[in-house]
Amino acid sequence: MTSTSQNAEDLEIVSAPGLSEQLGKLLYDFAVHYLWDKRWFIIALAVGAAIATLPLPDGLNREGMIVLAMSVSATIMFITEPIPLPGVALLIILGQIFILGHDSSAVAKTLWNDSVLFIMGSLMLAVAVVKQKLDRRIAWVIVRITGTKTTRVCLGISVVSGLMASFIGEHTVAAMMLPVGMTLIMLTSDDPKKVRGLAAVILLSVAYGASVAAIATPSGGARNAIMIGYWREFFFDPSNPETIKYLMGYVRWIIFAYPLFLIQLPFVTLILFMTFKPEYKDLSRAVVRLRKQVEEQGSMKRADWVAIFLFVMTLLGWIFLSDSVGMGTIALLGATAFLIAGLVHWEDINSGVNWGVVLLYGAAISLGIEMKDSGAALWVAESFLGLLGPFGIENGIGLWAAISVLTTTIANTMSAGASVAVLGPIMLKVAIAAEESPILIGFVTAVSTGFGYLTVFAAPACTIVYASGYLKVTDFLKAGWKMALTSIIIMLLAASFYWPILGL
């Protein structure tokens, strides 16, 4: 066969009918698989476009309508995650430039502030702390204090998890304490089926102990830093001495929020043991094995003591210097000290820090500022109050409860930081419209986002312990609704009786 005839046959193979079938199949696969996989992305864009083109309601201008549409689209994407969340952050930035017509340099300035630097520095510190591998020693210290009874061990785990998480963040503590819990579980039994109840109370003691502590200090969670940034951005005026109260410092936040965390801690153990039945009431067998492992590990190394010293110094810096130089500066200073001391390498930080989270929080805060500047936050706030009016809860404890339930619900479907970033400007405008204290409403909003107990993805601590493989999704629901209800009641009591004593 000649080359000419061979080429002719090849041409016939890809003739029009065959090519049409292949293209048709490709288009079908694209429509069925890709478009279906991205359906929530398409829905989010369609909903945003529909809102942006609606007739303007009274009290809202076109720019505010567009910002509101962007916020709704972003919220849908935060919840459904049709694309990686840092991709949502990039869309928020691009939307401000191309849709709102803002200068890119002006948008960039809203992305970086002390709150974002604090989040970035905290994530870097988290990597440095986890690098030290102190889990077995922590477990041994806990059981030496509590004894071997399961209820006391779980209370000890939740207390230790909470105390650490209140200063270094729940994701860090969950990562540190998960091996502690796993050690006790596996030293009790090698068969996961024989320790289902025990695993639930131990691992959820880690998750819920860390989660309730996230509200206690500004460094406990990104949500707190975001709200502090909003108070400063919305209400502080250097020329007006009366607005100094909106500069929330590290110690002042602790005075408001730390007692709430301490009150919630015993309820963690109580609710978990009401919900689950551990197979072992005593962990003596596990403790004997744990003691042997700690003895084999040897005494504390110099690097361990240096790491503890540097972290304590960072903590003292947050307490005494954050008002003058910023919490973000202290966090970066602490992370840099770990690098200089050689306790962590940049490769560890570069691979261990989720830089997309930093970008996400920066973009979310930037969108929140747009909500405020465009008037969209005020319009939503007034509309929210209008809905509450017929029920007689447009102010006072009824309003606080409504905000808390709304915020808790949203926080269980998207990250706490993103919840505060989106809802913060709206709720602060609600405070003004309802003639309530913006500080009180800000605390109700920020604290309520810490009640993410119901879903695996509501809080980093829940996601981390779920990754152990010992828990089911339903385990979080069984105990989570009781924890959320208890936490809301405690917070409302604080807002009614404790916070007014502090001047709200």
Protein backbone atom coordinates (compact mmCIF):
# COMPACT_ATOMS: atom_id res chain seq x y z
CA MET A 1 0.00 0.00 0.00
CA THR A 2 1.39 3.39 -0.99
CA SER A 3 1.82 6.24 1.44
CA THR A 4 -0.78 8.22 -0.48
CA SER A 5 -3.48 5.58 -0.04
CA GLN A 6 -2.53 5.16 3.67
CA ASN A 7 -2.98 8.88 4.26
CA ALA A 8 -6.34 8.72 2.55
CA GLU A 9 -7.47 5.92 4.87
CA ASP A 10 -6.27 7.85 7.93
CA LEU A 11 -8.26 10.81 6.72
CA GLU A 12 -11.35 8.68 6.41
CA ILE A 13 -10.96 7.46 9.99
CA VAL A 14 -11.31 11.00 11.30
CA SER A 15 -13.98 11.90 8.79
CA ALA A 16 -16.92 14.07 9.78
CA PRO A 17 -19.17 11.37 11.34
CA GLY A 18 -16.38 9.99 13.59
CA LEU A 19 -15.16 13.44 14.58
CA SER A 20 -18.70 14.55 15.42
CA GLU A 21 -19.18 11.55 17.69
CA GLN A 22 -15.93 12.24 19.52
CA LEU A 23 -16.75 15.94 19.96
CA GLY A 24 -20.23 15.05 21.10
CA LYS A 25 -18.86 12.66 23.69
CA LEU A 26 -16.36 15.25 24.92
CA LEU A 27 -19.09 17.87 25.23
CA TYR A 28 -21.33 15.41 27.02
CA ASP A 29 -18.59 14.46 29.48
CA PHE A 30 -17.85 18.14 30.05
CA ALA A 31 -21.50 18.94 30.73
CA VAL A 32 -22.13 15.93 32.95
CA HIS A 33 -18.95 15.84 34.97
CA TYR A 34 -17.30 19.27 34.96
CA LEU A 35 -20.42 21.44 35.00
CA TRP A 36 -22.06 19.21 37.61
CA ASP A 37 -18.94 19.31 39.73
CA LYS A 38 -18.95 23.13 39.50
CA ARG A 39 -22.71 23.52 39.86
CA TRP A 40 -22.49 25.50 43.10
CA PHE A 41 -19.92 27.83 41.58
CA ILE A 42 -22.30 28.49 38.68
CA ILE A 43 -25.25 28.87 41.06
CA ALA A 44 -23.30 31.31 43.25
CA LEU A 45 -22.40 33.47 40.24
CA ALA A 46 -25.98 33.32 38.93
CA VAL A 47 -27.44 34.32 42.31
CA GLY A 48 -24.96 37.18 42.59
CA ALA A 49 -25.75 38.39 39.06
CA ALA A 50 -29.48 38.20 39.75
CA ILE A 51 -29.18 40.23 42.96
CA ALA A 52 -26.97 42.85 41.29
CA THR A 53 -29.58 43.46 38.57
CA LEU A 54 -32.60 43.71 40.89
CA PRO A 55 -34.34 47.08 41.26
CA LEU A 56 -32.73 49.13 44.02
CA PRO A 57 -34.60 48.96 47.34
CA ASP A 58 -35.04 52.08 49.42
CA GLY A 59 -31.87 53.08 51.25
CA LEU A 60 -29.43 51.14 49.05
CA ASN A 61 -27.40 52.52 46.14
CA ARG A 62 -26.11 50.57 43.13
CA GLU A 63 -22.62 50.09 44.57
CA GLY A 64 -24.09 48.75 47.79
CA MET A 65 -26.28 46.37 45.77
CA ILE A 66 -23.23 45.03 43.91
CA VAL A 67 -21.27 44.59 47.15
CA LEU A 68 -24.24 42.77 48.66
CA ALA A 69 -24.39 40.50 45.59
CA MET A 70 -20.67 39.79 45.90
CA SER A 71 -21.11 38.95 49.60
CA VAL A 72 -23.98 36.53 48.92
CA SER A 73 -22.00 34.81 46.14
CA ALA A 74 -18.93 34.58 48.38
CA THR A 75 -21.01 33.16 51.25
CA ILE A 76 -22.48 30.44 49.00
CA MET A 77 -18.96 29.52 47.88
CA PHE A 78 -17.68 29.55 51.49
CA ILE A 79 -20.38 27.03 52.42
CA THR A 80 -20.30 24.74 49.36
CA GLU A 81 -16.58 25.06 48.43
CA PRO A 82 -17.03 24.48 44.68
CA ILE A 83 -13.54 25.88 44.22
CA PRO A 84 -10.65 26.11 46.73
CA LEU A 85 -11.43 28.83 49.28
CA PRO A 86 -8.30 30.86 48.40
CA GLY A 87 -9.82 30.99 44.89
CA VAL A 88 -12.89 32.65 46.42
CA ALA A 89 -10.56 35.18 48.04
CA LEU A 90 -9.00 35.96 44.66
CA LEU A 91 -12.46 36.44 43.14
CA ILE A 92 -13.33 38.93 45.89
CA ILE A 93 -10.19 40.93 45.10
CA LEU A 94 -10.79 40.82 41.35
CA GLY A 95 -14.44 41.76 41.82
CA GLN A 96 -13.50 44.92 43.69
CA ILE A 97 -11.13 45.90 40.89
CA PHE A 98 -13.12 44.97 37.78
CA ILE A 99 -16.75 45.19 38.95
CA LEU A 100 -16.57 48.03 41.46
CA GLY A 101 -13.80 49.81 39.54
CA HIS A 102 -11.52 50.35 42.54
CA ASP A 103 -7.81 51.02 42.12
CA SER A 104 -5.79 47.85 42.69
CA SER A 105 -3.43 49.60 45.11
CA ALA A 106 -6.37 50.79 47.21
CA VAL A 107 -7.78 47.26 47.33
CA ALA A 108 -4.36 45.87 48.30
CA LYS A 109 -4.23 48.23 51.30
CA THR A 110 -7.49 46.77 52.68
CA LEU A 111 -6.06 43.24 52.47
CA TRP A 112 -3.24 43.82 54.94
CA ASN A 113 -3.69 45.06 58.47
CA ASP A 114 -2.57 43.98 61.92
CA SER A 115 -5.34 41.37 62.14
CA VAL A 116 -4.11 39.60 59.01
CA LEU A 117 -0.48 39.83 60.17
CA PHE A 118 -1.59 38.32 63.47
CA ILE A 119 -3.30 35.40 61.71
CA MET A 120 -0.22 34.78 59.57
CA GLY A 121 2.13 34.98 62.55
CA SER A 122 -0.08 32.67 64.63
CA LEU A 123 -0.05 30.03 61.89
CA MET A 124 3.74 30.26 61.72
CA LEU A 125 3.97 29.88 65.51
CA ALA A 126 1.67 26.85 65.32
CA VAL A 127 4.09 25.05 63.02
CA ALA A 128 6.99 25.89 65.32
CA VAL A 129 5.19 24.60 68.43
CA VAL A 130 3.96 21.34 66.88
CA LYS A 131 7.49 20.70 65.63
CA GLN A 132 8.65 20.10 69.23
CA LYS A 133 6.62 16.83 69.66
CA LEU A 134 5.71 17.09 73.32
CA ASP A 135 2.53 14.95 73.09
CA ARG A 136 3.60 11.97 75.27
CA ARG A 137 4.97 14.26 77.96
CA ILE A 138 1.72 16.25 77.97
CA ALA A 139 -0.33 13.03 78.27
CA TRP A 140 1.85 11.84 81.16
CA VAL A 141 1.51 15.17 83.00
CA ILE A 142 -2.29 15.07 82.56
CA VAL A 143 -2.74 11.57 84.01
CA ARG A 144 -0.35 12.30 86.87
CA ILE A 145 -2.58 15.23 87.87
CA THR A 146 -6.00 13.66 87.22
CA GLY A 147 -5.39 10.02 88.06
CA THR A 148 -6.55 7.14 85.88
CA LYS A 149 -10.35 7.44 86.11
CA THR A 150 -11.74 8.07 82.61
CA THR A 151 -13.99 11.01 83.57
CA ARG A 152 -11.10 12.80 85.28
CA VAL A 153 -8.70 12.11 82.42
CA CYS A 154 -11.20 13.54 79.91
CA LEU A 155 -11.77 16.59 82.11
CA GLY A 156 -8.00 17.02 82.30
CA ILE A 157 -7.68 16.73 78.52
CA SER A 158 -10.38 19.34 77.91
CA VAL A 159 -8.85 21.69 80.51
CA VAL A 160 -5.32 21.38 79.10
CA SER A 161 -6.62 21.67 75.52
CA GLY A 162 -8.64 24.71 76.49
CA LEU A 163 -5.91 26.50 78.42
CA MET A 164 -3.43 26.07 75.56
CA ALA A 165 -5.97 26.84 72.81
CA SER A 166 -6.98 30.05 74.54
CA PHE A 167 -3.54 31.42 73.71
CA ILE A 168 -2.20 29.61 70.64
CA GLY A 169 -5.34 28.72 68.67
CA GLU A 170 -7.52 25.64 68.50
CA HIS A 171 -6.00 24.20 65.31
CA THR A 172 -2.54 24.17 66.89
CA VAL A 173 -3.75 22.55 70.11
CA ALA A 174 -5.89 19.99 68.29
CA ALA A 175 -2.85 19.00 66.25
CA MET A 176 -0.76 18.72 69.45
CA MET A 177 -3.40 16.96 71.58
CA LEU A 178 -4.72 14.50 68.98
CA PRO A 179 -1.62 12.29 69.41
CA VAL A 180 -2.18 12.54 73.20
CA GLY A 181 -5.73 11.23 72.88
CA MET A 182 -4.76 8.63 70.30
CA THR A 183 -1.97 7.40 72.58
CA LEU A 184 -4.39 6.80 75.45
CA ILE A 185 -6.93 5.11 73.16
CA MET A 186 -4.46 2.79 71.44
CA LEU A 187 -2.70 1.89 74.69
CA THR A 188 -6.11 0.82 76.03
CA SER A 189 -7.05 -1.41 73.06
CA ASP A 190 -5.76 -2.12 69.56
CA ASP A 191 -9.29 -2.81 68.30
CA PRO A 192 -11.18 0.42 67.41
CA LYS A 193 -14.54 -1.38 67.77
CA LYS A 194 -13.84 -2.04 71.44
CA VAL A 195 -13.18 1.61 72.26
CA ARG A 196 -15.85 3.48 70.25
CA GLY A 197 -17.35 5.24 73.26
CA LEU A 198 -13.97 5.85 74.87
CA ALA A 199 -12.60 7.33 71.64
CA ALA A 200 -15.62 9.64 71.36
CA VAL A 201 -15.25 11.13 74.84
CA ILE A 202 -11.45 11.47 74.64
CA LEU A 203 -11.23 12.93 71.11
CA LEU A 204 -14.24 15.22 71.53
CA SER A 205 -12.72 16.40 74.81
CA VAL A 206 -9.80 17.61 72.69
CA ALA A 207 -12.02 19.18 70.02
CA TYR A 208 -14.61 20.82 72.26
CA GLY A 209 -12.07 21.83 74.91
CA ALA A 210 -10.08 23.66 72.23
CA SER A 211 -13.20 25.07 70.55
CA VAL A 212 -14.71 26.65 73.68
CA ALA A 213 -11.32 28.25 74.40
CA ALA A 214 -11.18 29.95 71.00
CA ILE A 215 -13.25 32.82 72.37
CA ALA A 216 -11.05 33.46 75.43
CA THR A 217 -8.25 35.66 74.05
CA PRO A 218 -7.48 37.56 70.83
CA SER A 219 -4.90 34.89 69.98
CA GLY A 220 -7.45 32.10 70.51
CA GLY A 221 -8.94 32.47 67.05
CA ALA A 222 -8.86 34.56 63.90
CA ARG A 223 -12.47 35.61 64.52
CA ASN A 224 -11.36 37.62 67.54
CA ALA A 225 -8.64 39.47 65.66
CA ILE A 226 -11.10 40.23 62.86
CA MET A 227 -13.67 41.72 65.24
CA ILE A 228 -10.98 43.80 66.96
CA GLY A 229 -9.99 45.10 63.53
CA TYR A 230 -13.60 46.03 62.74
CA TRP A 231 -14.04 47.94 66.02
CA ARG A 232 -10.92 49.94 65.23
CA GLU A 233 -11.87 50.48 61.57
CA PHE A 234 -15.50 51.48 62.18
CA PHE A 235 -15.49 53.41 65.44
CA PHE A 236 -12.04 54.59 66.51
CA ASP A 237 -11.20 58.21 65.78
CA PRO A 238 -7.79 59.46 67.01
CA SER A 239 -9.20 62.97 67.34
CA ASN A 240 -12.04 61.82 69.63
CA PRO A 241 -10.83 60.58 73.06
CA GLU A 242 -14.21 58.94 73.75
CA THR A 243 -13.62 56.37 71.00
CA ILE A 244 -10.56 54.93 72.78
CA LYS A 245 -12.86 52.22 74.19
CA TYR A 246 -13.01 50.67 70.70
CA LEU A 247 -9.30 49.88 70.82
CA MET A 248 -9.75 46.41 72.33
CA GLY A 249 -6.46 45.25 73.85
CA TYR A 250 -5.32 41.74 74.74
CA VAL A 251 -5.96 42.00 78.49
CA ARG A 252 -9.31 43.75 78.11
CA TRP A 253 -10.58 41.00 75.79
CA ILE A 254 -9.49 38.40 78.38
CA ILE A 255 -11.47 40.20 81.09
CA PHE A 256 -14.62 40.06 78.94
CA ALA A 257 -14.33 36.56 77.49
CA TYR A 258 -12.09 34.32 79.62
CA PRO A 259 -14.70 33.68 82.35
CA LEU A 260 -17.14 32.40 79.69
CA PHE A 261 -14.58 29.86 78.56
CA LEU A 262 -13.85 28.68 82.10
CA ILE A 263 -17.55 28.23 82.87
CA GLN A 264 -18.07 26.16 79.71
CA LEU A 265 -15.20 23.74 80.40
CA PRO A 266 -16.95 21.48 82.96
CA PHE A 267 -19.98 21.23 80.67
CA VAL A 268 -17.76 19.68 77.96
CA THR A 269 -17.09 16.62 80.12
CA LEU A 270 -20.63 16.51 81.52
CA ILE A 271 -22.30 16.59 78.09
CA LEU A 272 -19.89 14.10 76.52
CA PHE A 273 -20.46 11.52 79.28
CA MET A 274 -24.23 12.09 79.07
CA THR A 275 -24.06 11.41 75.33
CA PHE A 276 -21.54 8.55 75.05
CA LYS A 277 -20.80 5.51 77.22
CA PRO A 278 -17.05 4.71 77.42
CA GLU A 279 -16.20 1.01 77.51
CA TYR A 280 -13.49 1.59 80.14
CA LYS A 281 -14.06 3.54 83.34
CA ASP A 282 -10.39 3.38 84.25
CA LEU A 283 -7.28 3.80 82.06
CA SER A 284 -4.70 2.16 84.34
CA ARG A 285 -3.57 -0.22 81.61
CA ALA A 286 -2.87 2.62 79.19
CA VAL A 287 -1.12 4.69 81.84
CA VAL A 288 1.35 1.89 82.65
CA ARG A 289 2.34 1.67 78.99
CA LEU A 290 2.51 5.47 78.68
CA ARG A 291 4.85 5.73 81.64
CA LYS A 292 7.26 3.26 80.04
CA GLN A 293 7.31 5.24 76.75
CA VAL A 294 8.01 8.54 78.55
CA GLU A 295 10.86 6.97 80.49
CA GLU A 296 12.38 5.66 77.26
CA GLN A 297 12.11 9.16 75.74
CA GLY A 298 14.39 10.55 78.45
CA SER A 299 14.47 13.94 80.16
CA MET A 300 13.59 17.29 78.59
CA LYS A 301 16.13 18.54 76.05
CA ARG A 302 17.59 22.05 75.94
CA ALA A 303 15.62 22.76 72.75
CA ASP A 304 12.38 21.90 74.55
CA TRP A 305 13.04 24.45 77.28
CA VAL A 306 14.07 27.10 74.73
CA ALA A 307 10.83 26.55 72.81
CA ILE A 308 8.77 26.92 75.99
CA PHE A 309 10.69 30.10 76.93
CA LEU A 310 10.15 31.68 73.49
CA PHE A 311 6.45 30.92 73.54
CA VAL A 312 6.03 32.36 77.03
CA MET A 313 7.85 35.52 75.90
CA THR A 314 5.52 35.78 72.90
CA LEU A 315 2.54 35.43 75.21
CA LEU A 316 3.89 38.18 77.50
CA GLY A 317 4.41 40.35 74.43
CA TRP A 318 0.74 39.93 73.47
CA ILE A 319 -0.32 40.89 76.98
CA PHE A 320 1.92 43.90 77.57
CA LEU A 321 3.00 45.23 74.14
CA SER A 322 0.17 44.50 71.70
CA ASP A 323 -1.57 47.83 72.39
CA SER A 324 1.52 49.76 71.31
CA VAL A 325 2.98 47.67 68.48
CA GLY A 326 0.05 45.41 67.49
CA MET A 327 -0.71 41.73 68.05
CA GLY A 328 0.39 40.89 64.51
CA THR A 329 3.84 42.36 65.12
CA ILE A 330 4.27 40.26 68.28
CA ALA A 331 3.17 37.09 66.49
CA LEU A 332 5.68 37.68 63.69
CA LEU A 333 8.38 38.48 66.25
CA GLY A 334 7.71 35.17 68.03
CA ALA A 335 7.82 33.17 64.79
CA THR A 336 11.07 34.91 63.82
CA ALA A 337 12.59 34.06 67.22
CA PHE A 338 11.86 30.35 66.63
CA LEU A 339 13.61 30.61 63.25
CA ILE A 340 16.64 32.39 64.71
CA ALA A 341 16.93 29.81 67.50
CA GLY A 342 16.95 27.03 64.91
CA LEU A 343 13.92 25.31 66.48
CA VAL A 344 12.11 25.38 63.17
CA HIS A 345 13.29 25.77 59.58
CA TRP A 346 11.70 27.98 56.96
CA GLU A 347 10.97 24.89 54.88
CA ASP A 348 8.83 23.61 57.79
CA ILE A 349 6.92 26.88 58.03
CA ASN A 350 6.57 27.21 54.27
CA SER A 351 5.08 23.72 53.98
CA GLY A 352 3.15 23.77 57.26
CA VAL A 353 1.40 27.15 56.99
CA ASN A 354 -1.73 27.28 54.86
CA TRP A 355 -0.95 30.57 53.12
CA GLY A 356 -4.33 30.40 51.39
CA VAL A 357 -5.95 30.92 54.80
CA VAL A 358 -4.05 34.19 55.20
CA LEU A 359 -5.24 35.32 51.77
CA LEU A 360 -8.79 34.21 52.57
CA TYR A 361 -9.00 36.22 55.78
CA GLY A 362 -7.49 39.28 54.13
CA ALA A 363 -10.01 39.17 51.28
CA ALA A 364 -12.93 38.53 53.64
CA ILE A 365 -11.97 41.53 55.78
CA SER A 366 -11.59 43.65 52.64
CA LEU A 367 -15.11 42.67 51.55
CA GLY A 368 -16.40 43.49 55.03
CA ILE A 369 -14.95 46.99 54.77
CA GLU A 370 -16.66 47.36 51.37
CA MET A 371 -19.94 46.32 53.01
CA LYS A 372 -19.50 49.15 55.50
CA ASP A 373 -18.28 51.84 53.10
CA SER A 374 -20.95 51.17 50.45
CA GLY A 375 -23.83 51.27 52.92
CA ALA A 376 -24.77 47.64 52.26
CA ALA A 377 -24.07 46.61 55.87
CA LEU A 378 -26.34 49.37 57.23
CA TRP A 379 -29.16 48.41 54.84
CA VAL A 380 -28.95 44.72 55.79
CA ALA A 381 -28.83 45.66 59.48
CA GLU A 382 -31.98 47.79 59.22
CA SER A 383 -33.73 45.04 57.25
CA PHE A 384 -32.73 42.48 59.92
CA LEU A 385 -34.17 44.69 62.66
CA GLY A 386 -37.35 45.11 60.60
CA LEU A 387 -37.81 41.33 60.51
CA LEU A 388 -37.36 41.10 64.28
CA GLY A 389 -39.77 43.96 65.01
CA PRO A 390 -43.04 41.96 64.79
CA PHE A 391 -41.63 39.49 67.33
CA GLY A 392 -40.71 42.24 69.78
CA ILE A 393 -37.02 41.29 69.82
CA GLU A 394 -35.48 44.22 67.99
CA ASN A 395 -33.34 45.08 71.03
CA GLY A 396 -32.15 43.69 74.35
CA ILE A 397 -31.72 40.01 75.12
CA GLY A 398 -34.13 39.00 72.34
CA LEU A 399 -31.88 40.70 69.77
CA TRP A 400 -28.75 39.16 71.32
CA ALA A 401 -30.33 35.69 71.17
CA ALA A 402 -31.39 36.16 67.53
CA ILE A 403 -27.89 37.30 66.55
CA SER A 404 -26.32 34.40 68.45
CA VAL A 405 -28.56 31.76 66.85
CA LEU A 406 -28.02 33.24 63.38
CA THR A 407 -24.25 33.48 63.85
CA THR A 408 -23.96 29.98 65.36
CA THR A 409 -25.94 28.51 62.46
CA ILE A 410 -23.74 30.17 59.84
CA ALA A 411 -20.55 29.31 61.75
CA ASN A 412 -21.50 25.62 61.55
CA THR A 413 -21.65 25.82 57.75
CA MET A 414 -18.54 27.90 57.10
CA SER A 415 -15.38 28.83 59.00
CA ALA A 416 -15.67 31.01 62.10
CA GLY A 417 -13.26 33.60 60.71
CA ALA A 418 -15.21 33.88 57.48
CA SER A 419 -18.46 34.13 59.47
CA VAL A 420 -17.19 37.11 61.46
CA ALA A 421 -15.68 38.69 58.36
CA VAL A 422 -19.06 38.55 56.57
CA LEU A 423 -21.45 39.14 59.50
CA GLY A 424 -19.28 41.53 61.55
CA PRO A 425 -20.00 44.74 59.61
CA ILE A 426 -23.70 43.87 59.42
CA MET A 427 -24.08 43.18 63.13
CA LEU A 428 -22.13 46.29 64.13
CA LYS A 429 -24.55 48.32 62.02
CA VAL A 430 -27.41 46.45 63.72
CA ALA A 431 -25.99 47.65 67.04
CA ILE A 432 -26.06 51.27 65.89
CA ALA A 433 -29.57 51.02 64.42
CA ALA A 434 -30.91 49.31 67.57
CA GLU A 435 -29.02 51.74 69.84
CA GLU A 436 -27.10 48.86 71.39
CA SER A 437 -23.43 48.81 72.37
CA PRO A 438 -21.28 47.90 69.33
CA ILE A 439 -18.83 46.24 71.72
CA LEU A 440 -21.52 44.02 73.23
CA ILE A 441 -22.99 43.09 69.84
CA GLY A 442 -19.47 42.53 68.50
CA PHE A 443 -18.74 40.15 71.36
CA VAL A 444 -22.04 38.30 70.85
CA THR A 445 -21.18 37.87 67.16
CA ALA A 446 -17.55 36.84 67.64
CA VAL A 447 -18.21 34.56 70.61
CA SER A 448 -21.15 32.82 68.90
CA THR A 449 -18.95 31.80 65.98
CA GLY A 450 -17.00 29.75 68.53
CA PHE A 451 -20.01 27.44 68.97
CA GLY A 452 -19.09 25.32 65.95
CA TYR A 453 -19.72 21.93 67.54
CA LEU A 454 -22.28 20.38 65.20
CA THR A 455 -20.36 19.58 62.04
CA VAL A 456 -16.97 18.14 61.15
CA PHE A 457 -15.95 21.24 59.20
CA ALA A 458 -17.35 23.85 61.60
CA ALA A 459 -14.07 24.20 63.52
CA PRO A 460 -10.48 23.20 62.74
CA ALA A 461 -10.33 21.17 65.97
CA CYS A 462 -13.36 19.10 64.91
CA THR A 463 -11.86 18.44 61.48
CA ILE A 464 -8.54 17.38 62.98
CA VAL A 465 -9.96 14.86 65.48
CA TYR A 466 -12.37 13.47 62.88
CA ALA A 467 -9.33 12.67 60.72
CA SER A 468 -8.32 10.10 63.35
CA GLY A 469 -10.85 7.65 61.91
CA TYR A 470 -12.40 6.86 65.32
CA LEU A 471 -15.38 9.23 65.02
CA LYS A 472 -18.52 9.39 62.90
CA VAL A 473 -20.15 12.53 61.53
CA THR A 474 -23.21 11.83 63.69
CA ASP A 475 -21.06 11.90 66.84
CA PHE A 476 -20.68 15.67 66.44
CA LEU A 477 -24.43 16.16 66.05
CA LYS A 478 -25.27 14.01 69.08
CA ALA A 479 -23.18 16.10 71.46
CA GLY A 480 -22.88 19.31 69.44
CA TRP A 481 -26.45 20.61 69.76
CA LYS A 482 -26.26 20.26 73.55
CA MET A 483 -22.94 22.10 73.62
CA ALA A 484 -24.24 24.89 71.36
CA LEU A 485 -27.40 25.39 73.44
CA THR A 486 -25.40 25.45 76.67
CA SER A 487 -22.87 27.91 75.27
CA ILE A 488 -25.55 30.30 73.99
CA ILE A 489 -27.27 30.34 77.39
CA ILE A 490 -23.97 31.02 79.20
CA MET A 491 -23.14 33.85 76.79
CA LEU A 492 -26.58 35.48 77.16
CA LEU A 493 -26.23 35.36 80.96
CA ALA A 494 -22.82 37.03 80.65
CA ALA A 495 -24.27 39.70 78.36
CA SER A 496 -27.09 40.34 80.83
CA PHE A 497 -25.19 40.37 84.12
CA TYR A 498 -21.40 40.25 83.70
CA TRP A 499 -20.58 42.51 80.77
CA PRO A 500 -22.66 45.45 82.12
CA ILE A 501 -20.43 45.41 85.20
CA LEU A 502 -17.48 46.02 82.87
CA GLY A 503 -19.11 49.16 81.50
CA LEU A 504 -21.22 47.97 78.52
